[in-house]
Structure formats: C-alpha cells, structure tokens
Amino acid sequence: MTRIAAVHGVLAPHEYSQREITGMVARTCLPDGTDRRLLDRLHTGVRVARRSMALPLERYAELGDFGETNDAFIESAVPLGAEAVTGALEAAGLSPRDVDLLMFTSVTGIAAPSVDARLVSRLGLRTDVKRLPVFGLGCVAGAAGLARLHDYLLGRPDDVAVLLSVELCSLTLQRDDPSVANLIASGLFGDGAAAVVACGARRETRGPAVVDTRSRMYPDTEGAMGWDITGSGFRIVLDAGVPDIVRKNLAADVDGFLADHGLAREDITAWVCHPGGPKVLRAVEESLDLPAGALDLTWRSLESVGNLSSSSVLHVLRDTLAERPPPAGTAGLMLAMGPGFCAELVLLRW
C-alpha cells in the first residue's frame, strides 16, 4: 500500500491577532461611518485567534486590480511552496531527485508556468519529474490530492510522489465589499502551505498506509461554495446551507465506506478532519456522533491558524502524526469537503 513518509506544514511570514486583522478589514471593506458590530460578531464567531498572512497588514489596502494581486500570489507562493517541499523531503530522508511526481494544488491564485514548474530548478528536481497542477478543488484538495497520489502509486509502486498545497487566502479579500460572505471569509481563512511525501508499496518506508479512498459529489449543490471570478479577483461564494448538506449526507457516506472494509465508526482511532469552520465542524461531530475530543486537533488548528483551505487538513495530519499517533494496526479516517459540493474520504492504517 501507499505509505505517507512525511508531512510538513508552513505558515505565511506575517502573523497577526484576529483583532488586528478585523481592524484592517473594517478599514478596507466597510464604507466610512459603518457600524462595525456585525463584522466584530462574525470575526469572533469563527473562533480564530491568530492568522498568518502573505503580506504585511498595511499592504492589503494598497493592492490594485486582480493582476497585481495575483502577482503577489506567485511571488509568495513559490518560496513558501519550496519551504514546504524541502521540509517534507528532509523529514522523509529523501532528496529532490527522488521525486517522480509533483502534484500542486491551490485555489487562491493562478500561474502559467504553474508554481510546481517554477520549483523544479529551484529545488533541484529531475527534469523528467512528472507535474500535475490542480485548480478548483478548494478545501477538499488536501484529502483529494493525497487520494490521487495513492491512485498514481498503485500503478507505480517504486515511485515517490509529493503533494504540495499553497493557499494564500488573504489575497482573495474583496476590498469595498461589506457582504456577509466576504466578511466571514476575511475572518476565517489564513495563509499557509503543506507538503506530503508518499511512497509506493515497493519502497522501504515507515508511516501510515493509505488503504483506500472515496470521492462523493452531492447533486444540485454547485452553488453552495466556490468563487465568482470578477474583475477584482476571486469573490467568495459561501452558502449558509453547507452545514445542512454535511448533516444530510456525511454519516451515510462514512458508514458505507467503512463497512466496505469491515469497519465501523468506533474502529476509527484518529479523525483527521479539515477545519472548515465552527458550524461545519459541529455538523461533522453531530452527524457522525463523534466522541468528545475526537476533533480536538482540528479545533486547535482552526483557532491557531484559521482555515488554510486545502492546506489545513494536511496540517491536522501532521499534528496527528507528531502528537497523537494511534496504536499500530488501527484505522484512521481523513476527511475534507469543498466546492462541488463534495467530500473526500481517505482510509488510513497506522
């Protein structure tokens, strides 16, 4: 089976308290003289204490059009991605020249040549490395990306594959937009990156094994989450009904997936869940009837760094491996949700 050799997460270089970021959003997004009590309530309600950002706080009001903002994405994403991949390879005891596939995912900026292409020479990857840039999966891409690495390695069991996620969510802030969706996003999402090194079955590697994966799309939910692409960039689409979609669908999908492997929820010793936000996390806990503390690492990640989109579930995976590794031979479940509306489940064996 595919094995996860290492996970390395990094954060953007500029860290601020939620109070400092809320002040910047008030100055940047609210018309002069607007009562900011709604903004304060929304930013408090997401339960985020601190976040890291790609740019110094004062720079956000100065950004011009989408082109300038996207240039800032590329300028920040390349070094942050390089740091994540380098750290993951070092932790795995591998060199850049060992990498056979580099998959890159982001939903907060675009580049051609893609960010992965810009890393080949910088990191010393082989010139015949396979590259796969992926855009549009959003928050689900951390779990879905690992699942697609597994698919690749099933066919190439001697290979090493790397998933890199870089999400600079702060650069999608829509200035002069006081909508509730924009204000929630401005309080919830942070900037960071993560890299996962996975190895095929014929390579000698320690780490949890990927047993199986499952993808699920929910019909008629395309408008629940995503972006409207406008002249000013990525405008958030965030429907209030997302937690209800989770409550309606997730338990049956998880139970069916586990049952196919002779497992039930009580057999799962680690729940590696994407920190989508308080309402979504409560919907996950309620729909799966999880025991107290099952998502503690996810809640802690949300509070300490915010929702890092596709990078977040990989940060939670890193923390699980480092701090709460389950007993050998037991099962874990990685899960994330994102635009589509969709879910990705990854069954792990420790």
Protein backbone atom coordinates (compact mmCIF):
# COMPACT_ATOMS: atom_id res chain seq x y z
CA MET A 1 0.00 0.00 0.00
CA THR A 2 0.97 3.64 -0.38
CA ARG A 3 2.71 4.99 2.72
CA ILE A 4 2.85 8.56 3.96
CA ALA A 5 6.55 9.13 4.58
CA ALA A 6 6.31 12.72 5.86
CA VAL A 7 4.08 15.78 6.14
CA HIS A 8 5.47 19.29 6.56
CA GLY A 9 3.36 22.39 7.10
CA VAL A 10 4.45 26.03 6.98
CA LEU A 11 2.74 29.36 7.50
CA ALA A 12 2.99 32.67 5.70
CA PRO A 13 5.55 35.05 7.23
CA HIS A 14 3.33 37.78 8.71
CA GLU A 15 1.37 36.77 11.83
CA TYR A 16 -1.39 38.89 13.37
CA SER A 17 -4.04 38.57 16.04
CA GLN A 18 -7.65 38.35 14.93
CA ARG A 19 -8.25 41.78 16.47
CA GLU A 20 -5.56 43.34 14.26
CA ILE A 21 -6.95 41.69 11.12
CA THR A 22 -10.50 42.75 11.98
CA GLY A 23 -9.33 46.35 12.18
CA MET A 24 -7.76 46.10 8.72
CA VAL A 25 -10.93 44.58 7.27
CA ALA A 26 -13.06 47.34 8.80
CA ARG A 27 -10.86 49.99 7.19
CA THR A 28 -10.68 48.19 3.85
CA CYS A 29 -14.13 46.71 3.32
CA LEU A 30 -16.64 48.84 5.23
CA PRO A 31 -17.87 52.22 3.99
CA ASP A 32 -16.92 55.20 6.14
CA GLY A 33 -19.18 55.57 9.16
CA THR A 34 -20.50 51.99 9.01
CA ASP A 35 -21.34 50.32 12.31
CA ARG A 36 -18.81 47.51 12.61
CA ARG A 37 -20.63 45.44 15.21
CA LEU A 38 -21.68 42.85 12.61
CA LEU A 39 -18.05 42.50 11.45
CA ASP A 40 -16.85 42.12 15.04
CA ARG A 41 -19.50 39.48 15.74
CA LEU A 42 -18.67 37.49 12.61
CA HIS A 43 -14.92 37.57 13.27
CA THR A 44 -15.47 36.48 16.87
CA GLY A 45 -17.88 33.73 15.86
CA VAL A 46 -15.40 31.88 13.63
CA ARG A 47 -13.27 31.06 16.71
CA VAL A 48 -9.96 32.07 15.16
CA ALA A 49 -7.40 33.72 17.44
CA ARG A 50 -4.45 34.36 15.12
CA ARG A 51 -3.59 34.02 11.45
CA SER A 52 -0.57 34.30 9.20
CA MET A 53 -0.74 36.38 6.03
CA ALA A 54 1.31 36.58 2.87
CA LEU A 55 1.74 40.36 3.06
CA PRO A 56 2.18 42.92 5.81
CA LEU A 57 -1.24 44.03 7.00
CA GLU A 58 -0.98 47.53 5.57
CA ARG A 59 -0.33 46.22 2.06
CA TYR A 60 -3.85 44.87 1.53
CA ALA A 61 -5.48 48.25 1.14
CA GLU A 62 -2.81 49.20 -1.42
CA LEU A 63 -3.31 46.27 -3.81
CA GLY A 64 -4.73 47.25 -7.16
CA ASP A 65 -6.51 45.02 -9.65
CA PHE A 66 -6.59 41.24 -9.91
CA GLY A 67 -3.36 41.20 -11.90
CA GLU A 68 -1.40 42.91 -9.14
CA THR A 69 -2.95 40.67 -6.50
CA ASN A 70 -2.16 37.53 -8.49
CA ASP A 71 1.43 38.68 -8.99
CA ALA A 72 1.66 38.88 -5.20
CA PHE A 73 0.31 35.32 -5.03
CA ILE A 74 3.06 33.99 -7.31
CA GLU A 75 5.78 35.98 -5.53
CA SER A 76 4.76 34.50 -2.16
CA ALA A 77 3.65 31.01 -3.24
CA VAL A 78 6.94 29.92 -4.79
CA PRO A 79 9.20 30.38 -1.72
CA LEU A 80 6.50 29.12 0.65
CA GLY A 81 6.00 26.04 -1.50
CA ALA A 82 9.74 25.47 -1.71
CA GLU A 83 9.98 25.57 2.08
CA ALA A 84 7.15 23.06 2.47
CA VAL A 85 8.55 20.56 -0.04
CA THR A 86 12.10 20.85 1.28
CA GLY A 87 10.94 20.24 4.84
CA ALA A 88 8.84 17.23 3.87
CA LEU A 89 11.64 15.61 1.86
CA GLU A 90 14.15 16.14 4.65
CA ALA A 91 11.74 14.59 7.17
CA ALA A 92 11.28 11.61 4.84
CA GLY A 93 15.03 11.16 4.39
CA LEU A 94 14.75 11.72 0.64
CA SER A 95 16.31 14.15 -1.83
CA PRO A 96 14.60 16.24 -4.52
CA ARG A 97 15.97 13.90 -7.17
CA ASP A 98 13.99 11.03 -5.64
CA VAL A 99 10.69 12.69 -6.58
CA ASP A 100 8.88 11.13 -9.54
CA LEU A 101 5.60 13.10 -9.35
CA LEU A 102 4.91 16.60 -8.01
CA MET A 103 1.24 17.50 -7.69
CA PHE A 104 0.45 21.12 -6.88
CA THR A 105 -2.90 22.41 -5.69
CA SER A 106 -4.22 25.86 -4.89
CA VAL A 107 -7.50 27.70 -5.26
CA THR A 108 -6.29 31.19 -4.30
CA GLY A 109 -4.14 32.14 -7.30
CA ILE A 110 -3.18 31.09 -10.80
CA ALA A 111 0.11 30.86 -12.66
CA ALA A 112 1.40 29.64 -16.01
CA PRO A 113 4.08 28.33 -15.79
CA SER A 114 2.49 26.82 -12.70
CA VAL A 115 4.03 27.05 -9.25
CA ASP A 116 5.23 23.44 -9.46
CA ALA A 117 7.09 24.24 -12.71
CA ARG A 118 8.80 27.19 -11.04
CA LEU A 119 10.03 24.86 -8.28
CA VAL A 120 11.78 22.29 -10.48
CA SER A 121 15.08 24.16 -10.90
CA ARG A 122 14.80 25.95 -7.57
CA LEU A 123 14.59 22.68 -5.63
CA GLY A 124 16.81 20.57 -7.88
CA LEU A 125 14.08 18.21 -9.02
CA ARG A 126 14.84 15.99 -12.00
CA THR A 127 13.98 17.44 -15.38
CA ASP A 128 11.84 14.37 -16.12
CA VAL A 129 9.72 14.81 -12.98
CA LYS A 130 6.00 14.44 -13.70
CA ARG A 131 3.97 17.50 -12.74
CA LEU A 132 0.26 17.88 -12.14
CA PRO A 133 -1.10 21.32 -11.20
CA VAL A 134 -4.69 21.19 -9.93
CA PHE A 135 -7.04 24.15 -9.50
CA GLY A 136 -10.62 24.35 -8.29
CA LEU A 137 -10.91 21.67 -5.62
CA GLY A 138 -10.67 24.21 -2.81
CA CYS A 139 -10.71 22.95 0.77
CA VAL A 140 -11.17 19.32 -0.28
CA ALA A 141 -7.88 19.25 -2.21
CA GLY A 142 -5.67 18.25 0.72
CA ALA A 143 -7.52 14.96 1.10
CA ALA A 144 -8.29 14.58 -2.61
CA GLY A 145 -4.67 15.29 -3.52
CA LEU A 146 -3.43 12.54 -1.20
CA ALA A 147 -6.04 10.22 -2.69
CA ARG A 148 -4.78 10.94 -6.22
CA LEU A 149 -1.17 10.33 -5.12
CA HIS A 150 -2.37 6.94 -3.91
CA ASP A 151 -4.02 6.24 -7.27
CA TYR A 152 -0.77 7.06 -9.06
CA LEU A 153 1.41 5.00 -6.74
CA LEU A 154 -0.79 1.92 -7.09
CA GLY A 155 0.39 1.80 -10.68
CA ARG A 156 3.98 2.83 -9.92
CA PRO A 157 4.90 1.14 -6.62
CA ASP A 158 8.60 2.07 -6.91
CA ASP A 159 7.90 5.81 -7.15
CA VAL A 160 7.92 8.76 -4.78
CA ALA A 161 5.11 11.29 -5.12
CA VAL A 162 4.75 14.69 -3.47
CA LEU A 163 1.61 16.73 -2.94
CA LEU A 164 2.14 20.46 -2.44
CA SER A 165 -0.66 22.75 -1.32
CA VAL A 166 -0.19 26.53 -1.14
CA GLU A 167 -3.17 28.67 -0.17
CA LEU A 168 -2.88 32.45 0.23
CA CYS A 169 -6.47 33.13 1.14
CA SER A 170 -5.85 36.69 2.32
CA LEU A 171 -5.14 37.72 -1.28
CA THR A 172 -8.74 36.95 -2.22
CA LEU A 173 -10.08 39.65 0.13
CA GLN A 174 -12.53 41.81 -1.80
CA ARG A 175 -11.94 45.42 -0.86
CA ASP A 176 -15.00 47.66 -0.53
CA ASP A 177 -17.25 44.58 -0.23
CA PRO A 178 -19.28 44.58 3.02
CA SER A 179 -21.22 41.39 2.15
CA VAL A 180 -21.61 38.83 4.91
CA ALA A 181 -19.80 36.15 2.86
CA ASN A 182 -16.76 38.40 2.33
CA LEU A 183 -16.69 39.43 5.99
CA ILE A 184 -16.87 35.81 7.19
CA ALA A 185 -14.12 34.78 4.78
CA SER A 186 -11.96 37.69 5.92
CA GLY A 187 -12.18 36.36 9.48
CA LEU A 188 -11.90 32.63 8.82
CA PHE A 189 -9.19 31.96 6.25
CA GLY A 190 -5.43 32.14 6.70
CA ASP A 191 -2.33 31.67 4.54
CA GLY A 192 -0.08 28.64 4.57
CA ALA A 193 1.28 25.63 2.73
CA ALA A 194 1.87 21.94 3.29
CA ALA A 195 3.64 19.11 1.50
CA VAL A 196 3.10 15.36 1.77
CA VAL A 197 5.66 12.78 0.64
CA ALA A 198 4.11 9.43 -0.27
CA CYS A 199 5.91 6.28 -1.37
CA GLY A 200 4.80 3.27 -3.36
CA ALA A 201 4.49 -0.21 -1.91
CA ARG A 202 7.88 -1.42 -3.08
CA ARG A 203 9.83 1.31 -1.30
CA GLU A 204 11.00 0.75 2.27
CA THR A 205 9.13 3.45 4.16
CA ARG A 206 7.65 3.93 7.60
CA GLY A 207 4.44 5.81 8.11
CA PRO A 208 0.69 5.27 7.92
CA ALA A 209 -0.63 3.42 4.89
CA VAL A 210 -3.36 4.65 2.58
CA VAL A 211 -5.79 1.73 2.40
CA ASP A 212 -8.48 3.18 0.15
CA THR A 213 -10.18 6.42 -0.86
CA ARG A 214 -13.65 7.54 -1.81
CA SER A 215 -14.95 10.66 -3.55
CA ARG A 216 -18.51 11.89 -3.28
CA MET A 217 -20.33 14.62 -5.21
CA TYR A 218 -23.67 15.89 -3.94
CA PRO A 219 -26.15 16.72 -6.73
CA ASP A 220 -27.55 20.23 -7.14
CA THR A 221 -25.10 21.81 -4.69
CA GLU A 222 -22.82 23.63 -7.14
CA GLY A 223 -23.86 27.00 -5.72
CA ALA A 224 -23.02 26.15 -2.11
CA MET A 225 -19.32 27.08 -2.15
CA GLY A 226 -16.71 28.43 -4.54
CA TRP A 227 -15.69 31.60 -6.34
CA ASP A 228 -17.33 34.11 -8.61
CA ILE A 229 -14.46 35.23 -10.83
CA THR A 230 -14.71 39.01 -11.25
CA GLY A 231 -12.55 41.87 -12.44
CA SER A 232 -11.31 42.28 -8.88
CA GLY A 233 -10.44 38.60 -8.48
CA PHE A 234 -11.98 35.75 -6.52
CA ARG A 235 -15.27 36.71 -4.83
CA ILE A 236 -16.28 34.13 -2.23
CA VAL A 237 -19.45 32.05 -2.58
CA LEU A 238 -20.38 30.64 0.82
CA ASP A 239 -23.93 29.41 1.34
CA ALA A 240 -25.36 29.19 4.84
CA GLY A 241 -26.76 25.75 3.99
CA VAL A 242 -23.37 23.99 3.88
CA PRO A 243 -23.69 22.52 7.42
CA ASP A 244 -27.07 21.08 6.45
CA ILE A 245 -25.51 19.35 3.43
CA VAL A 246 -23.00 17.79 5.82
CA ARG A 247 -25.71 16.65 8.22
CA LYS A 248 -27.76 15.17 5.42
CA ASN A 249 -25.04 13.20 3.67
CA LEU A 250 -21.80 12.63 5.57
CA ALA A 251 -22.79 9.86 8.00
CA ALA A 252 -24.13 7.53 5.31
CA ASP A 253 -21.05 8.09 3.15
CA VAL A 254 -18.65 7.42 6.01
CA ASP A 255 -20.54 4.38 7.23
CA GLY A 256 -20.75 2.88 3.74
CA PHE A 257 -17.06 3.44 3.09
CA LEU A 258 -16.01 1.91 6.40
CA ALA A 259 -18.38 -1.03 6.03
CA ASP A 260 -16.75 -1.95 2.73
CA HIS A 261 -13.60 -2.58 4.79
CA GLY A 262 -15.31 -4.37 7.66
CA LEU A 263 -15.10 -1.31 9.89
CA ALA A 264 -17.45 0.94 11.83
CA ARG A 265 -17.04 4.41 13.29
CA GLU A 266 -15.97 3.03 16.68
CA ASP A 267 -12.98 1.35 14.98
CA ILE A 268 -11.50 4.72 13.93
CA THR A 269 -8.74 5.82 16.30
CA ALA A 270 -7.91 9.11 14.54
CA TRP A 271 -10.28 11.52 12.79
CA VAL A 272 -8.19 13.79 10.55
CA CYS A 273 -10.75 16.42 9.62
CA HIS A 274 -10.49 19.67 7.68
CA PRO A 275 -11.27 22.70 9.91
CA GLY A 276 -13.95 24.21 7.70
CA GLY A 277 -15.36 26.49 10.38
CA PRO A 278 -17.30 26.13 13.63
CA LYS A 279 -20.69 25.40 12.08
CA VAL A 280 -19.28 22.82 9.70
CA LEU A 281 -17.23 21.15 12.44
CA ARG A 282 -20.24 20.93 14.72
CA ALA A 283 -22.22 19.40 11.84
CA VAL A 284 -19.45 16.78 11.37
CA GLU A 285 -19.39 15.97 15.09
CA GLU A 286 -23.18 15.69 15.28
CA SER A 287 -23.73 13.71 12.09
CA LEU A 288 -21.02 11.17 12.97
CA ASP A 289 -21.83 11.19 16.71
CA LEU A 290 -18.13 11.53 17.45
CA PRO A 291 -16.81 11.03 20.98
CA ALA A 292 -15.68 14.07 22.95
CA GLY A 293 -12.25 15.25 21.88
CA ALA A 294 -12.22 13.39 18.55
CA LEU A 295 -11.65 16.63 16.63
CA ASP A 296 -9.52 18.45 19.21
CA LEU A 297 -6.57 18.84 16.83
CA THR A 298 -8.87 20.22 14.15
CA TRP A 299 -10.44 22.75 16.52
CA ARG A 300 -6.98 23.76 17.74
CA SER A 301 -5.76 24.26 14.18
CA LEU A 302 -8.77 26.46 13.41
CA GLU A 303 -8.10 28.63 16.45
CA SER A 304 -4.36 28.95 15.99
CA VAL A 305 -4.03 29.48 12.21
CA GLY A 306 -7.54 29.68 10.74
CA ASN A 307 -8.84 27.72 7.77
CA LEU A 308 -5.95 27.30 5.30
CA SER A 309 -8.21 25.85 2.60
CA SER A 310 -6.57 22.74 1.08
CA SER A 311 -3.50 23.03 3.33
CA SER A 312 -5.50 22.78 6.56
CA VAL A 313 -6.28 19.07 6.66
CA LEU A 314 -2.61 18.38 5.91
CA HIS A 315 -1.60 20.48 8.92
CA VAL A 316 -4.02 18.41 11.01
CA LEU A 317 -2.49 15.22 9.57
CA ARG A 318 0.98 16.50 10.50
CA ASP A 319 -0.16 17.24 14.05
CA THR A 320 -1.77 13.81 14.34
CA LEU A 321 1.44 12.07 13.27
CA ALA A 322 3.59 14.18 15.61
CA GLU A 323 1.40 14.43 18.69
CA ARG A 324 -1.26 11.73 18.74
CA PRO A 325 -0.16 8.76 16.65
CA PRO A 326 -2.76 5.99 17.14
CA PRO A 327 -1.83 2.42 18.08
CA ALA A 328 -0.14 0.44 15.32
CA GLY A 329 -2.55 -1.51 13.16
CA THR A 330 -5.57 0.67 13.89
CA ALA A 331 -7.59 2.64 11.35
CA GLY A 332 -7.85 6.38 10.83
CA LEU A 333 -10.07 8.45 8.57
CA MET A 334 -9.07 11.65 6.79
CA LEU A 335 -11.96 13.75 5.51
CA ALA A 336 -12.49 17.07 3.84
CA MET A 337 -15.21 18.86 1.90
CA GLY A 338 -15.17 21.57 -0.72
CA PRO A 339 -16.70 23.14 -3.81
CA GLY A 340 -18.89 20.87 -5.85
CA PHE A 341 -20.27 20.39 -3.14
CA CYS A 342 -18.18 17.31 -2.48
CA ALA A 343 -16.40 15.19 0.09
CA GLU A 344 -13.22 13.11 0.02
CA LEU A 345 -12.54 10.23 2.41
CA VAL A 346 -9.13 8.60 2.88
CA LEU A 347 -8.88 5.44 4.95
CA LEU A 348 -5.54 5.14 6.78
CA ARG A 349 -3.86 2.27 8.63
CA TRP A 350 -1.32 3.18 11.30
